[in-house]
N, C-alpha and C. Protein backbone atom coordinates (compact mmCIF):
# COMPACT_ATOMS: atom_id res chain seq x y z
N MET A 1 123.19 64.31 119.78
CA MET A 1 121.92 64.15 119.58
C MET A 1 121.11 65.59 119.93
N ALA A 2 121.42 65.75 121.36
CA ALA A 2 120.97 66.93 122.08
C ALA A 2 121.07 68.04 121.28
N GLU A 3 122.23 68.27 120.60
CA GLU A 3 122.63 69.64 119.87
C GLU A 3 121.50 69.65 118.67
N THR A 4 121.23 68.23 118.14
CA THR A 4 120.30 68.39 116.88
C THR A 4 118.88 68.74 117.49
N GLU A 5 118.54 68.34 118.40
CA GLU A 5 117.05 68.83 119.15
C GLU A 5 117.15 70.22 119.33
N LYS A 6 118.31 70.84 119.89
CA LYS A 6 118.45 72.27 120.10
C LYS A 6 118.23 73.11 118.85
N SER A 7 118.83 72.57 117.85
CA SER A 7 119.08 73.04 116.47
C SER A 7 117.59 73.19 115.83
N ALA A 8 116.92 72.00 116.00
CA ALA A 8 115.53 71.89 115.50
C ALA A 8 114.68 72.74 116.23
N GLY A 9 114.72 73.03 117.51
CA GLY A 9 114.00 73.99 118.59
C GLY A 9 114.29 75.22 117.92
N SER A 10 115.41 75.72 117.73
CA SER A 10 115.87 76.96 117.13
C SER A 10 115.27 77.22 115.82
N ASP A 11 115.20 76.54 114.90
CA ASP A 11 114.57 76.56 113.54
C ASP A 11 113.10 76.65 113.80
N ASN A 12 112.43 75.94 114.79
CA ASN A 12 111.11 76.24 115.01
C ASN A 12 110.66 77.69 115.59
N THR A 13 111.62 78.03 116.41
CA THR A 13 111.49 79.48 117.17
C THR A 13 111.65 80.44 115.96
N GLU A 14 112.60 80.17 114.93
CA GLU A 14 112.60 81.20 113.78
C GLU A 14 111.62 81.26 112.82
N ASP A 15 110.94 80.20 112.63
CA ASP A 15 109.83 80.08 112.08
C ASP A 15 108.60 80.63 112.58
N ILE A 16 108.42 80.56 113.91
CA ILE A 16 107.41 81.22 114.79
C ILE A 16 107.62 82.74 114.65
N LEU A 17 109.07 83.21 114.78
CA LEU A 17 109.26 84.55 114.79
C LEU A 17 108.79 85.45 113.47
N ALA A 18 109.14 84.45 112.37
CA ALA A 18 108.85 84.78 111.07
C ALA A 18 107.08 85.29 110.80
N LYS A 19 106.48 84.30 111.51
CA LYS A 19 105.03 84.17 111.52
C LYS A 19 104.48 85.50 112.21
N ILE A 20 105.22 85.65 113.41
CA ILE A 20 104.67 86.84 114.22
C ILE A 20 105.19 88.12 113.27
N GLU A 21 106.39 88.20 112.78
CA GLU A 21 106.69 89.54 111.85
C GLU A 21 105.76 89.79 110.90
N ASN A 22 105.02 88.69 110.15
CA ASN A 22 104.11 88.80 109.18
C ASN A 22 102.73 89.07 109.87
N LYS A 23 102.47 88.83 111.01
CA LYS A 23 101.36 88.98 111.65
C LYS A 23 101.47 90.65 112.10
N SER A 24 102.64 91.03 112.28
CA SER A 24 102.93 92.47 112.93
C SER A 24 102.60 93.36 111.73
N LEU A 25 103.03 93.01 110.39
CA LEU A 25 102.68 93.77 109.29
C LEU A 25 101.42 93.97 108.88
N LYS A 26 100.55 92.74 109.12
CA LYS A 26 99.15 92.83 109.05
C LYS A 26 98.50 93.78 110.07
N ILE A 27 98.97 93.82 111.20
CA ILE A 27 98.61 94.75 112.23
C ILE A 27 98.75 95.98 111.88
N GLU A 28 99.79 96.25 111.44
CA GLU A 28 100.29 97.64 111.08
C GLU A 28 99.41 98.33 109.95
N SER A 29 99.25 97.32 109.04
CA SER A 29 98.29 97.80 107.75
C SER A 29 96.95 97.99 108.26
N LEU A 30 96.35 97.10 109.30
CA LEU A 30 94.96 97.37 109.67
C LEU A 30 94.72 98.82 110.59
N ILE A 31 95.80 99.05 111.27
CA ILE A 31 95.90 100.19 112.02
C ILE A 31 95.80 101.48 111.05
N LYS A 32 96.55 101.25 109.96
CA LYS A 32 96.67 102.36 109.02
C LYS A 32 95.29 102.68 108.20
N GLN A 33 94.47 101.47 108.17
CA GLN A 33 93.04 101.40 107.58
C GLN A 33 92.08 101.80 108.66
N TYR A 34 92.42 102.11 109.92
CA TYR A 34 91.51 102.66 110.75
C TYR A 34 90.66 101.31 111.12
N LYS A 35 91.03 100.21 111.33
CA LYS A 35 90.44 98.95 111.76
C LYS A 35 91.12 98.39 113.03
N PRO A 36 91.09 99.06 114.11
CA PRO A 36 91.72 98.66 115.40
C PRO A 36 91.10 97.35 116.06
N ILE A 37 89.75 97.09 115.73
CA ILE A 37 89.37 95.88 116.43
C ILE A 37 89.92 94.70 115.61
N LYS A 38 89.83 94.67 114.45
CA LYS A 38 90.51 93.72 113.76
C LYS A 38 91.97 93.33 113.93
N ALA A 39 92.57 94.62 114.23
CA ALA A 39 93.93 94.60 114.50
C ALA A 39 94.26 93.76 115.81
N ILE A 40 93.55 94.05 116.76
CA ILE A 40 93.74 93.79 117.99
C ILE A 40 93.39 92.16 118.11
N LYS A 41 92.29 91.86 117.29
CA LYS A 41 91.91 90.46 117.24
C LYS A 41 93.05 89.72 116.68
N ILE A 42 93.62 90.14 115.49
CA ILE A 42 94.84 89.44 114.87
C ILE A 42 96.00 89.24 115.85
N ALA A 43 96.10 90.41 116.58
CA ALA A 43 97.24 90.30 117.43
C ALA A 43 97.28 89.33 118.67
N LEU A 44 95.86 88.97 119.21
CA LEU A 44 95.76 88.17 120.12
C LEU A 44 95.52 86.75 119.72
N GLU A 45 95.37 86.53 118.34
CA GLU A 45 95.19 85.17 117.83
C GLU A 45 96.53 84.34 117.75
N SER A 46 96.69 83.14 117.87
CA SER A 46 97.94 82.23 117.78
C SER A 46 99.04 82.74 118.81
N TYR A 47 98.34 82.80 120.01
CA TYR A 47 99.47 83.21 121.12
C TYR A 47 100.61 82.31 120.98
N PRO A 48 101.85 82.88 121.09
CA PRO A 48 103.15 82.21 120.84
C PRO A 48 103.31 81.09 121.99
N PRO A 49 104.31 80.21 121.73
CA PRO A 49 104.80 79.49 122.74
C PRO A 49 105.49 80.12 123.98
N GLN A 50 106.01 79.38 124.84
CA GLN A 50 106.80 79.87 125.99
C GLN A 50 108.13 80.36 125.69
N ASP A 51 108.78 80.45 124.47
CA ASP A 51 109.94 80.89 124.04
C ASP A 51 110.02 82.48 124.31
N GLU A 52 110.70 83.10 125.28
CA GLU A 52 110.91 84.36 125.46
C GLU A 52 110.85 85.44 124.34
N ARG A 53 111.59 85.09 123.30
CA ARG A 53 111.77 85.87 122.09
C ARG A 53 110.26 86.03 121.35
N CYS A 54 109.73 84.74 121.35
CA CYS A 54 108.53 84.91 120.65
C CYS A 54 107.39 85.62 121.40
N LYS A 55 107.45 85.59 122.59
CA LYS A 55 106.50 86.19 123.61
C LYS A 55 106.77 87.73 123.36
N TYR A 56 107.93 88.13 123.46
CA TYR A 56 108.29 89.53 123.26
C TYR A 56 108.00 90.18 121.92
N ALA A 57 108.14 89.26 120.89
CA ALA A 57 107.92 89.70 119.58
C ALA A 57 106.29 89.80 119.38
N ASN A 58 105.41 89.10 119.88
CA ASN A 58 104.20 88.93 119.85
C ASN A 58 103.59 90.10 120.72
N TRP A 59 104.05 90.45 121.81
CA TRP A 59 103.68 91.60 122.62
C TRP A 59 103.97 92.93 122.06
N VAL A 60 104.81 93.13 121.04
CA VAL A 60 105.15 94.25 120.34
C VAL A 60 103.86 94.52 119.38
N GLY A 61 103.31 93.46 118.76
CA GLY A 61 101.99 93.64 117.84
C GLY A 61 100.99 93.89 118.74
N VAL A 62 100.69 93.31 119.82
CA VAL A 62 99.73 93.60 120.63
C VAL A 62 99.76 94.95 121.22
N HIS A 63 100.93 95.48 121.51
CA HIS A 63 101.10 96.78 122.08
C HIS A 63 100.71 97.80 121.11
N LYS A 64 101.20 97.65 119.79
CA LYS A 64 100.91 98.42 118.78
C LYS A 64 99.46 98.78 118.57
N ALA A 65 98.62 97.51 118.24
CA ALA A 65 97.40 97.51 118.28
C ALA A 65 96.68 98.22 119.26
N LEU A 66 96.97 97.97 120.42
CA LEU A 66 96.26 98.64 121.53
C LEU A 66 96.62 100.18 121.57
N MET A 67 97.82 100.44 121.42
CA MET A 67 98.23 101.95 121.48
C MET A 67 97.37 102.84 120.24
N ALA A 68 96.96 102.08 119.21
CA ALA A 68 96.19 102.70 118.12
C ALA A 68 94.78 102.98 118.56
N ILE A 69 94.29 102.37 119.56
CA ILE A 69 92.92 102.37 120.00
C ILE A 69 92.71 103.64 120.87
N LYS A 70 91.64 104.54 120.63
CA LYS A 70 91.35 105.70 121.30
C LYS A 70 90.35 105.43 122.58
N ASP A 71 89.53 104.52 122.40
CA ASP A 71 88.56 104.09 123.43
C ASP A 71 88.59 102.76 123.61
N VAL A 72 89.93 102.32 124.55
CA VAL A 72 90.37 101.05 124.90
C VAL A 72 89.26 100.30 125.57
N GLU A 73 88.71 100.98 126.55
CA GLU A 73 87.54 100.41 127.29
C GLU A 73 86.51 99.74 126.40
N GLY A 74 86.05 100.73 125.52
CA GLY A 74 85.05 100.31 124.55
C GLY A 74 85.34 99.13 123.71
N ILE A 75 86.63 99.02 123.22
CA ILE A 75 87.17 98.04 122.33
C ILE A 75 87.12 96.81 123.13
N LEU A 76 87.62 96.89 124.35
CA LEU A 76 87.78 95.68 125.11
C LEU A 76 86.49 94.93 125.37
N ARG A 77 85.51 95.65 125.62
CA ARG A 77 84.10 95.31 125.48
C ARG A 77 83.66 94.55 124.64
N SER A 78 84.02 95.03 123.40
CA SER A 78 83.50 94.41 122.16
C SER A 78 84.08 93.23 121.74
N LEU A 79 85.24 93.06 122.52
CA LEU A 79 86.00 91.70 122.07
C LEU A 79 85.11 90.28 122.83
N ASP A 80 85.41 89.40 122.07
CA ASP A 80 85.05 87.95 122.57
C ASP A 80 85.83 87.67 124.00
N PRO A 81 85.11 87.27 125.00
CA PRO A 81 85.94 86.94 126.31
C PRO A 81 87.02 86.23 126.15
N ARG A 82 87.05 85.32 125.09
CA ARG A 82 88.28 84.30 125.02
C ARG A 82 89.46 85.10 124.87
N TYR A 83 89.32 86.42 124.49
CA TYR A 83 90.68 87.32 124.36
C TYR A 83 91.10 87.83 125.89
N TYR A 84 90.19 87.90 126.80
CA TYR A 84 90.47 88.62 128.06
C TYR A 84 91.84 87.64 128.79
N ASP A 85 91.66 86.45 128.79
CA ASP A 85 92.61 85.61 129.33
C ASP A 85 94.06 85.91 128.49
N ILE A 86 94.06 86.00 127.28
CA ILE A 86 95.24 86.16 126.64
C ILE A 86 95.94 87.40 126.85
N LEU A 87 95.12 88.66 127.15
CA LEU A 87 95.48 89.95 127.44
C LEU A 87 95.99 90.05 128.82
N MET A 88 95.50 89.29 129.58
CA MET A 88 95.97 89.05 130.89
C MET A 88 97.45 88.40 131.31
N LYS A 89 97.64 87.63 130.39
CA LYS A 89 99.02 86.80 130.44
C LYS A 89 100.09 87.90 129.95
């Protein structure tokens, strides 16, 4: 039974990773369209669960969005404060 639970958790992780991959594609598209604010907001939404692979995959998208920004301080000031906590994690 524990093996079944582990398998179900693994399937859930794979689903989350697929969603993060789709989100990363949206982020890249927005960066190419010179929409960094929207890209960073999408990157910070739906913060992943505690699974390390999901955290890392999500961080890659956040990092891409942040690196595309020329005026990081200005962009961060324009964000809703609810995103600050997510960025600090």
